[in-house]
Amino acid sequence: MGGFIEAARGRVRRARTTLDAAKEAGDAHAVAMAEDELEDALRIAEAHGVETEGEQ
């Protein structure tokens, strides 16, 4: 299960990075897409008991 945990955490980190970049660029569409991706990544991680707090 370690591979899944690392993949889930990596997805959350990438989504947060993408969201930060979209906000910095002022791209409303990219922000909306990145927010959706982050929400999905967090939902999946939570459903499988993967801790994501502090994943940057």
PDB file of N, CA and C in Angstrom:
ATOM      1  N   MET A   1       0.827  -1.199   0.000  1.00  0.00           N
ATOM      2  CA  MET A   1       0.000   0.000   0.000  1.00  0.00           C
ATOM      3  C   MET A   1       0.863   1.252   0.000  1.00  0.00           C
ATOM      4  N   GLY A   2       2.155   1.124   0.313  1.00  0.00           N
ATOM      5  CA  GLY A   2       3.041   2.275   0.367  1.00  0.00           C
ATOM      6  C   GLY A   2       3.099   3.040  -0.944  1.00  0.00           C
ATOM      7  N   GLY A   3       3.055   2.309  -2.062  1.00  0.00           N
ATOM      8  CA  GLY A   3       3.078   2.969  -3.361  1.00  0.00           C
ATOM      9  C   GLY A   3       1.846   3.820  -3.588  1.00  0.00           C
ATOM     10  N   PHE A   4       0.705   3.311  -3.152  1.00  0.00           N
ATOM     11  CA  PHE A   4      -0.535   4.069  -3.294  1.00  0.00           C
ATOM     12  C   PHE A   4      -0.497   5.329  -2.443  1.00  0.00           C
ATOM     13  N   ILE A   5       0.000   5.192  -1.220  1.00  0.00           N
ATOM     14  CA  ILE A   5       0.072   6.338  -0.306  1.00  0.00           C
ATOM     15  C   ILE A   5       0.951   7.428  -0.900  1.00  0.00           C
ATOM     16  N   GLU A   6       2.111   7.039  -1.385  1.00  0.00           N
ATOM     17  CA  GLU A   6       3.019   8.024  -1.982  1.00  0.00           C
ATOM     18  C   GLU A   6       2.412   8.653  -3.233  1.00  0.00           C
ATOM     19  N   ALA A   7       1.721   7.863  -4.032  1.00  0.00           N
ATOM     20  CA  ALA A   7       1.077   8.401  -5.231  1.00  0.00           C
ATOM     21  C   ALA A   7      -0.026   9.380  -4.866  1.00  0.00           C
ATOM     22  N   ALA A   8      -0.807   9.045  -3.854  1.00  0.00           N
ATOM     23  CA  ALA A   8      -1.888   9.934  -3.419  1.00  0.00           C
ATOM     24  C   ALA A   8      -1.325  11.241  -2.877  1.00  0.00           C
ATOM     25  N   ARG A   9      -0.293  11.139  -2.076  1.00  0.00           N
ATOM     26  CA  ARG A   9       0.331  12.355  -1.531  1.00  0.00           C
ATOM     27  C   ARG A   9       0.971  13.179  -2.637  1.00  0.00           C
ATOM     28  N   GLY A  10       1.590  12.523  -3.597  1.00  0.00           N
ATOM     29  CA  GLY A  10       2.187  13.232  -4.726  1.00  0.00           C
ATOM     30  C   GLY A  10       1.138  13.965  -5.541  1.00  0.00           C
ATOM     31  N   ARG A  11      -0.008  13.329  -5.732  1.00  0.00           N
ATOM     32  CA  ARG A  11      -1.091  13.973  -6.482  1.00  0.00           C
ATOM     33  C   ARG A  11      -1.581  15.220  -5.749  1.00  0.00           C
ATOM     34  N   VAL A  12      -1.702  15.140  -4.438  1.00  0.00           N
ATOM     35  CA  VAL A  12      -2.121  16.304  -3.651  1.00  0.00           C
ATOM     36  C   VAL A  12      -1.079  17.413  -3.756  1.00  0.00           C
ATOM     37  N   ARG A  13       0.195  17.055  -3.630  1.00  0.00           N
ATOM     38  CA  ARG A  13       1.265  18.073  -3.740  1.00  0.00           C
ATOM     39  C   ARG A  13       1.238  18.751  -5.104  1.00  0.00           C
ATOM     40  N   ARG A  14       1.111  17.963  -6.167  1.00  0.00           N
ATOM     41  CA  ARG A  14       1.078  18.538  -7.527  1.00  0.00           C
ATOM     42  C   ARG A  14      -0.137  19.443  -7.705  1.00  0.00           C
ATOM     43  N   ALA A  15      -1.273  19.019  -7.177  1.00  0.00           N
ATOM     44  CA  ALA A  15      -2.486  19.826  -7.307  1.00  0.00           C
ATOM     45  C   ALA A  15      -2.340  21.144  -6.569  1.00  0.00           C
ATOM     46  N   ARG A  16      -1.739  21.110  -5.401  1.00  0.00           N
ATOM     47  CA  ARG A  16      -1.532  22.356  -4.643  1.00  0.00           C
ATOM     48  C   ARG A  16      -0.558  23.281  -5.365  1.00  0.00           C
ATOM     49  N   THR A  17       0.489  22.709  -5.927  1.00  0.00           N
ATOM     50  CA  THR A  17       1.467  23.506  -6.677  1.00  0.00           C
ATOM     51  C   THR A  17       0.812  24.147  -7.896  1.00  0.00           C
ATOM     52  N   THR A  18       0.007  23.367  -8.610  1.00  0.00           N
ATOM     53  CA  THR A  18      -0.691  23.873  -9.793  1.00  0.00           C
ATOM     54  C   THR A  18      -1.672  24.969  -9.414  1.00  0.00           C
ATOM     55  N   LEU A  19      -2.376  24.786  -8.313  1.00  0.00           N
ATOM     56  CA  LEU A  19      -3.323  25.800  -7.849  1.00  0.00           C
ATOM     57  C   LEU A  19      -2.593  27.091  -7.490  1.00  0.00           C
ATOM     58  N   ASP A  20      -1.488  26.990  -6.773  1.00  0.00           N
ATOM     59  CA  ASP A  20      -0.712  28.181  -6.418  1.00  0.00           C
ATOM     60  C   ASP A  20      -0.240  28.920  -7.668  1.00  0.00           C
ATOM     61  N   ALA A  21       0.236  28.177  -8.665  1.00  0.00           N
ATOM     62  CA  ALA A  21       0.724  28.796  -9.902  1.00  0.00           C
ATOM     63  C   ALA A  21      -0.416  29.477 -10.657  1.00  0.00           C
ATOM     64  N   ALA A  22      -1.575  28.839 -10.693  1.00  0.00           N
ATOM     65  CA  ALA A  22      -2.724  29.425 -11.386  1.00  0.00           C
ATOM     66  C   ALA A  22      -3.176  30.708 -10.702  1.00  0.00           C
ATOM     67  N   LYS A  23      -3.178  30.699  -9.377  1.00  0.00           N
ATOM     68  CA  LYS A  23      -3.555  31.912  -8.630  1.00  0.00           C
ATOM     69  C   LYS A  23      -2.551  33.024  -8.899  1.00  0.00           C
ATOM     70  N   GLU A  24      -1.276  32.680  -8.878  1.00  0.00           N
ATOM     71  CA  GLU A  24      -0.223  33.671  -9.114  1.00  0.00           C
ATOM     72  C   GLU A  24      -0.341  34.276 -10.510  1.00  0.00           C
ATOM     73  N   ALA A  25      -0.729  33.450 -11.473  1.00  0.00           N
ATOM     74  CA  ALA A  25      -0.873  33.917 -12.850  1.00  0.00           C
ATOM     75  C   ALA A  25      -2.171  34.684 -13.071  1.00  0.00           C
ATOM     76  N   GLY A  26      -3.090  34.596 -12.118  1.00  0.00           N
ATOM     77  CA  GLY A  26      -4.365  35.291 -12.272  1.00  0.00           C
ATOM     78  C   GLY A  26      -5.278  34.649 -13.308  1.00  0.00           C
ATOM     79  N   ASP A  27      -5.108  33.364 -13.531  1.00  0.00           N
ATOM     80  CA  ASP A  27      -5.876  32.637 -14.542  1.00  0.00           C
ATOM     81  C   ASP A  27      -7.069  31.956 -13.868  1.00  0.00           C
ATOM     82  N   ALA A  28      -8.241  32.588 -13.976  1.00  0.00           N
ATOM     83  CA  ALA A  28      -9.433  32.101 -13.285  1.00  0.00           C
ATOM     84  C   ALA A  28      -9.830  30.692 -13.724  1.00  0.00           C
ATOM     85  N   HIS A  29      -9.711  30.415 -15.011  1.00  0.00           N
ATOM     86  CA  HIS A  29     -10.066  29.081 -15.504  1.00  0.00           C
ATOM     87  C   HIS A  29      -9.119  28.026 -14.937  1.00  0.00           C
ATOM     88  N   ALA A  30      -7.832  28.310 -14.961  1.00  0.00           N
ATOM     89  CA  ALA A  30      -6.851  27.372 -14.426  1.00  0.00           C
ATOM     90  C   ALA A  30      -7.037  27.187 -12.920  1.00  0.00           C
ATOM     91  N   VAL A  31      -7.416  28.247 -12.221  1.00  0.00           N
ATOM     92  CA  VAL A  31      -7.687  28.143 -10.780  1.00  0.00           C
ATOM     93  C   VAL A  31      -8.852  27.184 -10.546  1.00  0.00           C
ATOM     94  N   ALA A  32      -9.916  27.348 -11.293  1.00  0.00           N
ATOM     95  CA  ALA A  32     -11.090  26.486 -11.131  1.00  0.00           C
ATOM     96  C   ALA A  32     -10.740  25.023 -11.402  1.00  0.00           C
ATOM     97  N   MET A  33      -9.977  24.783 -12.447  1.00  0.00           N
ATOM     98  CA  MET A  33      -9.584  23.412 -12.784  1.00  0.00           C
ATOM     99  C   MET A  33      -8.676  22.830 -11.694  1.00  0.00           C
ATOM    100  N   ALA A  34      -7.745  23.632 -11.208  1.00  0.00           N
ATOM    101  CA  ALA A  34      -6.820  23.169 -10.182  1.00  0.00           C
ATOM    102  C   ALA A  34      -7.550  22.911  -8.864  1.00  0.00           C
ATOM    103  N   GLU A  35      -8.531  23.745  -8.547  1.00  0.00           N
ATOM    104  CA  GLU A  35      -9.320  23.517  -7.337  1.00  0.00           C
ATOM    105  C   GLU A  35     -10.080  22.204  -7.422  1.00  0.00           C
ATOM    106  N   ASP A  36     -10.642  21.918  -8.581  1.00  0.00           N
ATOM    107  CA  ASP A  36     -11.353  20.652  -8.782  1.00  0.00           C
ATOM    108  C   ASP A  36     -10.402  19.462  -8.617  1.00  0.00           C
ATOM    109  N   GLU A  37      -9.222  19.566  -9.198  1.00  0.00           N
ATOM    110  CA  GLU A  37      -8.232  18.488  -9.095  1.00  0.00           C
ATOM    111  C   GLU A  37      -7.816  18.285  -7.640  1.00  0.00           C
ATOM    112  N   LEU A  38      -7.577  19.378  -6.925  1.00  0.00           N
ATOM    113  CA  LEU A  38      -7.174  19.272  -5.523  1.00  0.00           C
ATOM    114  C   LEU A  38      -8.287  18.638  -4.697  1.00  0.00           C
ATOM    115  N   GLU A  39      -9.509  19.080  -4.896  1.00  0.00           N
ATOM    116  CA  GLU A  39     -10.640  18.493  -4.165  1.00  0.00           C
ATOM    117  C   GLU A  39     -10.743  16.997  -4.432  1.00  0.00           C
ATOM    118  N   ASP A  40     -10.582  16.592  -5.678  1.00  0.00           N
ATOM    119  CA  ASP A  40     -10.658  15.182  -6.038  1.00  0.00           C
ATOM    120  C   ASP A  40      -9.519  14.401  -5.391  1.00  0.00           C
ATOM    121  N   ALA A  41      -8.315  14.933  -5.463  1.00  0.00           N
ATOM    122  CA  ALA A  41      -7.154  14.258  -4.875  1.00  0.00           C
ATOM    123  C   ALA A  41      -7.317  14.108  -3.364  1.00  0.00           C
ATOM    124  N   LEU A  42      -7.809  15.151  -2.712  1.00  0.00           N
ATOM    125  CA  LEU A  42      -8.015  15.090  -1.265  1.00  0.00           C
ATOM    126  C   LEU A  42      -9.128  14.111  -0.907  1.00  0.00           C
ATOM    127  N   ARG A  43     -10.180  14.077  -1.696  1.00  0.00           N
ATOM    128  CA  ARG A  43     -11.298  13.167  -1.445  1.00  0.00           C
ATOM    129  C   ARG A  43     -10.836  11.714  -1.522  1.00  0.00           C
ATOM    130  N   ILE A  44     -10.068  11.396  -2.555  1.00  0.00           N
ATOM    131  CA  ILE A  44      -9.577  10.032  -2.716  1.00  0.00           C
ATOM    132  C   ILE A  44      -8.617   9.664  -1.582  1.00  0.00           C
ATOM    133  N   ALA A  45      -7.725  10.566  -1.251  1.00  0.00           N
ATOM    134  CA  ALA A  45      -6.786  10.302  -0.163  1.00  0.00           C
ATOM    135  C   ALA A  45      -7.536  10.053   1.146  1.00  0.00           C
ATOM    136  N   GLU A  46      -8.500  10.895   1.433  1.00  0.00           N
ATOM    137  CA  GLU A  46      -9.262  10.751   2.671  1.00  0.00           C
ATOM    138  C   GLU A  46     -10.042   9.432   2.688  1.00  0.00           C
ATOM    139  N   ALA A  47     -10.621   9.061   1.560  1.00  0.00           N
ATOM    140  CA  ALA A  47     -11.401   7.825   1.478  1.00  0.00           C
ATOM    141  C   ALA A  47     -10.548   6.593   1.773  1.00  0.00           C
ATOM    142  N   HIS A  48      -9.235   6.720   1.545  1.00  0.00           N
ATOM    143  CA  HIS A  48      -8.334   5.588   1.770  1.00  0.00           C
ATOM    144  C   HIS A  48      -7.463   5.770   3.002  1.00  0.00           C
ATOM    145  N   GLY A  49      -7.790   6.770   3.814  1.00  0.00           N
ATOM    146  CA  GLY A  49      -7.062   6.977   5.059  1.00  0.00           C
ATOM    147  C   GLY A  49      -5.655   7.507   4.904  1.00  0.00           C
ATOM    148  N   VAL A  50      -5.400   8.199   3.803  1.00  0.00           N
ATOM    149  CA  VAL A  50      -4.058   8.749   3.553  1.00  0.00           C
ATOM    150  C   VAL A  50      -3.982  10.156   4.143  1.00  0.00           C
ATOM    151  N   GLU A  51      -3.038  10.362   5.033  1.00  0.00           N
ATOM    152  CA  GLU A  51      -2.830  11.662   5.668  1.00  0.00           C
ATOM    153  C   GLU A  51      -2.157  12.610   4.664  1.00  0.00           C
ATOM    154  N   THR A  52      -2.756  13.760   4.446  1.00  0.00           N
ATOM    155  CA  THR A  52      -2.201  14.721   3.485  1.00  0.00           C
ATOM    156  C   THR A  52      -1.903  16.071   4.123  1.00  0.00           C
ATOM    157  N   GLU A  53      -2.182  16.206   5.386  1.00  0.00           N
ATOM    158  CA  GLU A  53      -1.917  17.477   6.064  1.00  0.00           C
ATOM    159  C   GLU A  53      -0.432  17.773   6.005  1.00  0.00           C
ATOM    160  N   GLY A  54      -0.093  18.963   5.576  1.00  0.00           N
ATOM    161  CA  GLY A  54       1.307  19.355   5.491  1.00  0.00           C
ATOM    162  C   GLY A  54       1.996  18.966   4.197  1.00  0.00           C
ATOM    163  N   GLU A  55       1.292  18.300   3.303  1.00  0.00           N
ATOM    164  CA  GLU A  55       1.875  17.952   2.001  1.00  0.00           C
ATOM    165  C   GLU A  55       1.925  19.210   1.151  1.00  0.00           C
ATOM    166  N   GLN A  56       3.105  19.684   0.878  1.00  0.00           N
ATOM    167  CA  GLN A  56       3.264  20.892   0.066  1.00  0.00           C
ATOM    168  C   GLN A  56       4.058  20.589  -1.164  1.00  0.00           C
TER     169      GLN A  56
END
